[in-house]
Protein backbone atom coordinates (compact mmCIF):
# COMPACT_ATOMS: atom_id res chain seq x y z
CA MET A 1 24.23 7.69 -9.72
CA THR A 2 25.54 10.62 -7.73
CA ALA A 3 23.42 13.76 -7.64
CA PRO A 4 25.21 16.83 -9.00
CA GLU A 5 26.34 19.52 -6.60
CA LEU A 6 24.01 22.50 -6.50
CA SER A 7 25.40 25.79 -7.69
CA PRO A 8 25.38 28.55 -5.03
CA PRO A 9 22.60 30.63 -6.72
CA VAL A 10 20.28 27.60 -6.93
CA GLY A 11 21.02 26.60 -3.34
CA ARG A 12 20.48 30.17 -2.16
CA ARG A 13 17.11 30.46 -3.91
CA ALA A 14 16.02 27.13 -2.43
CA ALA A 15 17.02 28.28 1.06
CA GLU A 16 15.05 31.50 0.55
CA ARG A 17 11.96 29.50 -0.42
CA ALA A 18 12.40 27.25 2.59
CA LEU A 19 12.73 30.26 4.90
CA ALA A 20 9.59 31.82 3.39
CA ALA A 21 7.69 28.58 4.07
CA ILE A 22 9.08 28.47 7.61
CA VAL A 23 7.94 32.05 8.27
CA LEU A 24 4.45 31.20 7.05
CA TRP A 25 4.30 28.04 9.17
CA SER A 26 5.49 30.06 12.14
CA SER A 27 2.40 32.26 11.83
CA LEU A 28 0.05 29.27 12.10
CA ALA A 29 -0.05 29.10 15.90
CA ALA A 30 -0.67 32.85 16.24
CA LEU A 31 -3.42 32.75 13.60
CA ALA A 32 -4.94 29.65 15.18
CA GLN A 33 -5.31 31.57 18.45
CA LYS A 34 -8.13 33.42 16.69
CA LEU A 35 -9.85 30.13 15.88
CA ARG A 36 -9.64 28.24 19.15
CA GLY A 37 -13.34 27.39 18.97
CA ILE A 38 -13.00 25.47 15.71
CA PRO A 39 -12.26 21.71 16.01
CA PRO A 40 -8.77 20.86 14.63
CA PHE A 41 -9.82 18.56 11.78
CA LEU A 42 -12.45 21.06 10.63
CA LEU A 43 -9.87 23.87 10.67
CA VAL A 44 -7.33 21.82 8.70
CA GLY A 45 -9.96 20.57 6.26
CA ILE A 46 -11.21 24.04 5.38
CA ALA A 47 -7.70 25.50 5.25
CA LEU A 48 -6.42 22.76 2.92
CA LEU A 49 -9.42 23.16 0.63
CA LEU A 50 -8.77 26.91 0.45
CA GLY A 51 -5.04 26.43 -0.14
CA GLY A 52 -5.63 23.84 -2.83
CA ALA A 53 -8.47 25.63 -4.61
CA VAL A 54 -6.20 28.53 -5.59
CA GLY A 55 -3.97 26.38 -7.79
CA LEU A 56 -6.42 23.60 -8.61
CA PRO A 57 -7.15 24.69 -12.23
CA ALA A 58 -3.42 24.62 -13.00
CA GLY A 59 -3.10 21.24 -11.30
CA VAL A 60 -5.92 19.75 -13.36
CA ARG A 61 -4.62 21.23 -16.63
CA GLY A 62 -1.10 20.07 -15.86
CA GLY A 63 -2.17 16.46 -15.58
CA ALA A 64 -0.79 15.85 -12.09
CA ARG A 65 0.81 12.43 -11.82
CA PRO A 66 -1.07 10.05 -9.50
CA ARG A 67 2.14 9.12 -7.64
CA ALA A 68 2.89 12.78 -6.92
CA VAL A 69 -0.68 13.39 -5.75
CA LEU A 70 -0.60 10.35 -3.47
CA LEU A 71 2.69 11.54 -2.02
CA GLY A 72 1.07 14.90 -1.29
CA VAL A 73 -1.90 13.26 0.44
CA TYR A 74 0.57 11.20 2.47
CA GLY A 75 2.36 14.37 3.53
CA PHE A 76 -0.61 16.68 4.11
CA PHE A 77 -3.37 14.41 5.41
CA ALA A 78 -1.47 11.58 7.10
CA TYR A 79 0.80 14.04 8.90
CA HIS A 80 -2.02 16.10 10.38
CA PHE A 81 -4.07 12.99 11.19
CA CYS A 82 -1.26 11.44 13.25
CA LEU A 83 -0.27 14.74 14.84
CA PHE A 84 -3.73 15.75 16.01
CA LEU A 85 -4.57 12.31 17.40
CA GLY A 86 -1.16 12.17 19.08
CA LEU A 87 -1.71 15.54 20.74
CA ARG A 88 -5.09 14.32 22.03
CA LEU A 89 -3.84 11.03 23.49
CA ALA A 90 -0.47 12.10 24.96
CA PRO A 91 0.54 15.20 26.96
CA ALA A 92 0.65 17.96 24.35
CA VAL A 93 4.05 19.41 25.34
CA GLN A 94 5.89 16.10 25.09
CA ALA A 95 4.00 14.99 21.98
CA ASN A 96 4.85 18.27 20.28
CA LEU A 97 8.53 17.74 21.09
CA VAL A 98 8.40 14.31 19.47
CA ASN A 99 6.75 15.88 16.42
CA TYR A 100 9.61 18.39 16.13
CA LEU A 101 12.00 15.54 15.44
CA TRP A 102 11.11 16.01 11.75
CA PRO A 103 13.87 18.57 10.98
CA LEU A 104 16.45 16.22 12.52
CA LEU A 105 14.99 13.30 10.56
CA ILE A 106 15.26 15.26 7.31
CA VAL A 107 18.97 15.69 7.93
CA ALA A 108 19.52 12.13 9.19
CA LEU A 109 17.53 10.39 6.44
CA SER A 110 18.91 12.44 3.54
CA PRO A 111 21.66 9.90 2.70
CA VAL A 112 19.06 7.10 2.72
CA ILE A 113 16.50 8.73 0.41
CA VAL A 114 18.35 11.36 -1.64
CA PRO A 115 20.97 10.00 -4.08
CA GLY A 116 24.40 11.50 -3.53
CA ALA A 117 23.56 13.16 -0.20
CA LYS A 118 26.16 12.56 2.49
CA LEU A 119 26.12 13.83 6.04
CA ARG A 120 28.94 16.21 6.90
CA PRO A 121 29.95 17.00 10.49
CA ARG A 122 28.43 20.49 10.15
CA HIS A 123 25.03 18.98 9.25
CA VAL A 124 25.09 16.69 12.29
CA VAL A 125 26.24 19.45 14.66
CA GLY A 126 23.69 21.91 13.27
CA ALA A 127 20.84 19.42 13.55
CA LEU A 128 21.73 18.47 17.14
CA LEU A 129 22.03 22.12 18.20
CA GLY A 130 18.64 22.80 16.64
CA PHE A 131 17.09 19.82 18.38
CA LEU A 132 18.50 20.89 21.74
CA GLY A 133 17.11 24.38 21.21
CA THR A 134 13.72 22.97 20.23
CA ALA A 135 13.71 20.76 23.33
CA LEU A 136 14.37 23.79 25.54
CA LEU A 137 11.70 25.77 23.71
CA VAL A 138 9.05 23.09 24.09
CA PHE A 139 9.89 22.14 27.68
CA GLY A 140 10.72 25.66 28.84
CA GLY A 141 8.10 26.86 31.27
CA ALA A 142 6.42 23.45 31.38
CA THR A 143 6.86 23.28 35.16
CA GLY A 144 4.98 20.42 36.71
CA VAL A 145 4.23 18.72 33.41
CA THR A 146 5.04 15.04 33.50
CA ALA A 147 5.41 12.63 30.65
CA GLY A 148 2.26 10.80 31.53
CA GLY A 149 1.66 7.08 31.15
CA GLY A 150 -0.76 4.40 30.16
CA PRO A 151 -1.51 2.77 26.82
CA LEU A 152 -3.26 5.83 25.38
CA SER A 153 -0.29 8.08 26.13
CA ALA A 154 2.06 5.53 24.59
CA LEU A 155 -0.11 5.44 21.47
CA GLY A 156 -0.09 9.23 21.40
CA TYR A 157 3.70 9.34 21.45
CA LEU A 158 3.85 6.75 18.66
CA LEU A 159 1.45 8.82 16.56
CA ALA A 160 3.51 11.98 17.15
CA LEU A 161 6.63 10.08 16.11
CA ALA A 162 4.76 8.79 13.05
CA ALA A 163 3.88 12.39 12.17
CA ALA A 164 7.56 13.37 12.34
CA VAL A 165 8.54 10.42 10.15
CA ILE A 166 5.77 11.19 7.65
CA TRP A 167 6.67 14.85 7.16
CA SER A 168 10.41 14.21 6.94
CA THR A 169 10.06 11.35 4.45
CA TYR A 170 7.47 13.29 2.43
CA SER A 171 9.84 16.25 2.23
CA LEU A 172 12.73 14.07 1.09
CA LEU A 173 10.68 12.06 -1.39
CA THR A 174 9.59 15.24 -3.17
CA THR A 175 13.17 15.54 -4.42
CA ARG A 176 12.41 12.58 -6.71
CA PHE A 177 9.61 14.51 -8.45
CA GLY A 178 11.63 17.46 -9.67
CA ALA A 179 9.94 17.42 -13.08
CA VAL A 180 6.42 17.32 -11.61
CA PRO A 181 4.72 20.76 -11.73
CA PRO A 182 3.60 22.24 -8.39
CA GLY A 183 -0.03 21.97 -9.51
CA ALA A 184 -0.01 18.44 -8.09
CA ILE A 185 0.14 20.03 -4.64
CA SER A 186 -3.23 21.70 -5.25
CA VAL A 187 -4.87 18.37 -6.05
CA SER A 188 -3.25 16.80 -2.98
CA CYS A 189 -4.47 19.68 -0.78
CA VAL A 190 -8.06 19.34 -1.98
CA ILE A 191 -8.09 15.55 -1.44
CA SER A 192 -6.44 15.94 1.97
CA GLY A 193 -8.93 18.65 2.91
CA ALA A 194 -11.84 16.40 2.02
CA LEU A 195 -10.36 13.56 4.09
CA SER A 196 -9.85 15.94 7.03
CA LEU A 197 -13.48 17.01 6.86
CA ALA A 198 -14.44 13.33 6.89
CA CYS A 199 -12.37 12.95 10.07
CA HIS A 200 -14.19 15.95 11.53
CA ALA A 201 -17.51 14.24 10.86
CA ALA A 202 -16.25 10.99 12.38
CA PHE A 203 -14.29 12.18 15.42
CA GLU A 204 -15.37 15.72 16.35
CA PRO A 205 -18.59 17.50 17.35
CA ARG A 206 -20.23 19.20 14.39
CA SER A 207 -19.31 22.86 14.12
CA MET A 208 -19.57 25.78 11.69
CA PRO A 209 -17.20 28.79 11.62
CA SER A 210 -18.75 32.17 12.32
CA ILE A 211 -18.61 35.10 9.90
CA THR A 212 -15.84 36.75 11.95
CA GLU A 213 -13.73 33.57 11.83
CA TRP A 214 -13.69 33.19 8.05
CA PRO A 215 -11.06 35.92 7.40
CA TRP A 216 -8.65 34.11 9.74
CA LEU A 217 -9.44 30.81 8.04
CA LEU A 218 -8.72 32.42 4.68
CA ALA A 219 -5.39 33.73 5.98
CA ILE A 220 -4.40 30.26 7.19
CA GLY A 221 -5.58 28.59 3.98
CA LEU A 222 -3.67 30.97 1.70
CA GLY A 223 -0.56 31.18 3.90
CA PRO A 224 0.71 28.39 6.19
CA MET A 225 -1.69 25.79 4.75
CA GLY A 226 -1.37 26.93 1.15
CA ALA A 227 1.54 28.98 -0.19
CA ALA A 228 3.93 27.42 2.34
CA PHE A 229 3.45 23.97 0.78
CA TYR A 230 4.30 25.28 -2.70
CA LEU A 231 7.38 27.08 -1.39
CA TRP A 232 8.53 24.03 0.57
CA ASP A 233 8.05 21.80 -2.46
CA GLY A 234 10.23 24.08 -4.60
CA ALA A 235 12.88 24.29 -1.88
CA MET A 236 13.13 20.52 -1.41
CA LYS A 237 13.27 19.86 -5.17
CA ARG A 238 16.03 22.39 -5.84
CA GLY A 239 17.91 22.70 -2.56
CA ASP A 240 20.12 20.69 -0.23
CA PRO A 241 17.80 18.74 2.13
CA ARG A 242 20.50 18.62 4.80
CA VAL A 243 20.65 22.43 4.89
CA ILE A 244 16.88 22.86 4.65
CA GLY A 245 16.31 20.36 7.47
CA THR A 246 18.62 22.38 9.70
CA LEU A 247 16.90 25.67 8.81
CA ALA A 248 13.54 24.09 9.66
CA TYR A 249 14.37 24.33 13.37
CA LEU A 250 13.58 28.02 13.08
CA THR A 251 9.87 27.11 12.88
CA PRO A 252 9.19 26.63 16.62
CA LEU A 253 11.42 29.58 17.48
CA LEU A 254 9.67 32.04 15.16
CA SER A 255 6.30 30.63 16.16
CA THR A 256 7.03 31.31 19.83
CA PHE A 257 8.14 34.88 19.14
CA LEU A 258 5.06 35.58 17.01
CA ILE A 259 2.83 34.27 19.77
CA ALA A 260 4.63 36.58 22.21
CA VAL A 261 4.29 39.57 19.88
CA THR A 262 0.55 39.00 19.54
CA GLY A 263 0.21 38.98 23.32
CA ALA A 264 -0.55 35.27 23.77
CA GLY A 265 2.75 34.47 25.49
CA ARG A 266 6.08 35.90 26.61
CA VAL A 267 9.77 35.51 25.87
CA ASP A 268 11.94 34.53 28.86
CA GLY A 269 15.55 33.52 29.38
CA VAL A 270 14.94 29.90 28.39
CA THR A 271 13.36 31.05 25.14
CA ALA A 272 16.30 33.33 24.41
CA LEU A 273 18.78 30.51 25.04
CA ALA A 274 16.75 28.15 22.86
CA GLY A 275 16.71 30.79 20.14
CA ALA A 276 20.48 31.14 20.27
CA LEU A 277 20.92 27.38 19.92
CA ILE A 278 18.47 27.14 17.02
CA VAL A 279 19.87 30.09 15.11
CA GLY A 280 23.40 28.86 15.79
CA GLY A 281 22.52 25.37 14.59
CA GLY A 282 20.97 26.82 11.45
CA ALA A 283 24.08 28.90 10.77
CA VAL A 284 26.38 25.90 11.24
CA GLY A 285 24.27 23.47 9.21
CA SER A 286 23.62 25.84 6.31
CA ARG A 287 27.27 26.68 5.64
CA SER A 288 28.24 25.79 2.10
CA ARG A 289 31.78 24.83 3.12
């Protein structure tokens, strides 16, 4: 059965939700700069618990479907698990580039997972421009960084690729749960947060955030690790995944600029060129005609 074409107002609202989620995710790196002393799994665990606790009462009352909750755990916990282990085992720059294949995979896998979705030339061109811009952004300034080798590095790259596959397939599979209320995300966040804290206990040195770090944790939990998931869920359920996947390339670009604005980095010519490619790819891929 062919999926009906989205009307322009619905598609526009979905794109706005996706862009809001992208802006929130772009703030994660800048906010995380304030929490560099907190182990990654502990940070993610606390943030997911905070993000899920806000909407948990509605999720429990709404009778979240087990399949939708499991899909959320797959997206939230499995993604971060593979990403963080991949970044530890492989060179971080290259592993992060592999992870940023997920916007391209959303576009490429749309015809496989979403009924009625067909790739148009503009989607392919937009996705490739965005990927090229992301590659420049990630590798720009990485002078002297080599790909690295050995079995652990190879495993790290595979885990980073697994993270990209997980987030792209999670995003596309949410389109099949259009009737499921967003409260299921809260339940998934809480379960994923608990699993992340278990990983902290198993893989990381024990740690406890200081009083001054809790406001930043709250900001991450309510924003990029909370509200962004609800916005992204609504965008994927009501929008065109091919367009949203192309827009997602704005994430590393905005993240880089926010880091520069906060004084933790700088914008150079490579970054500007990467930005032009990403914005151009987003403009091409998001055209309605």
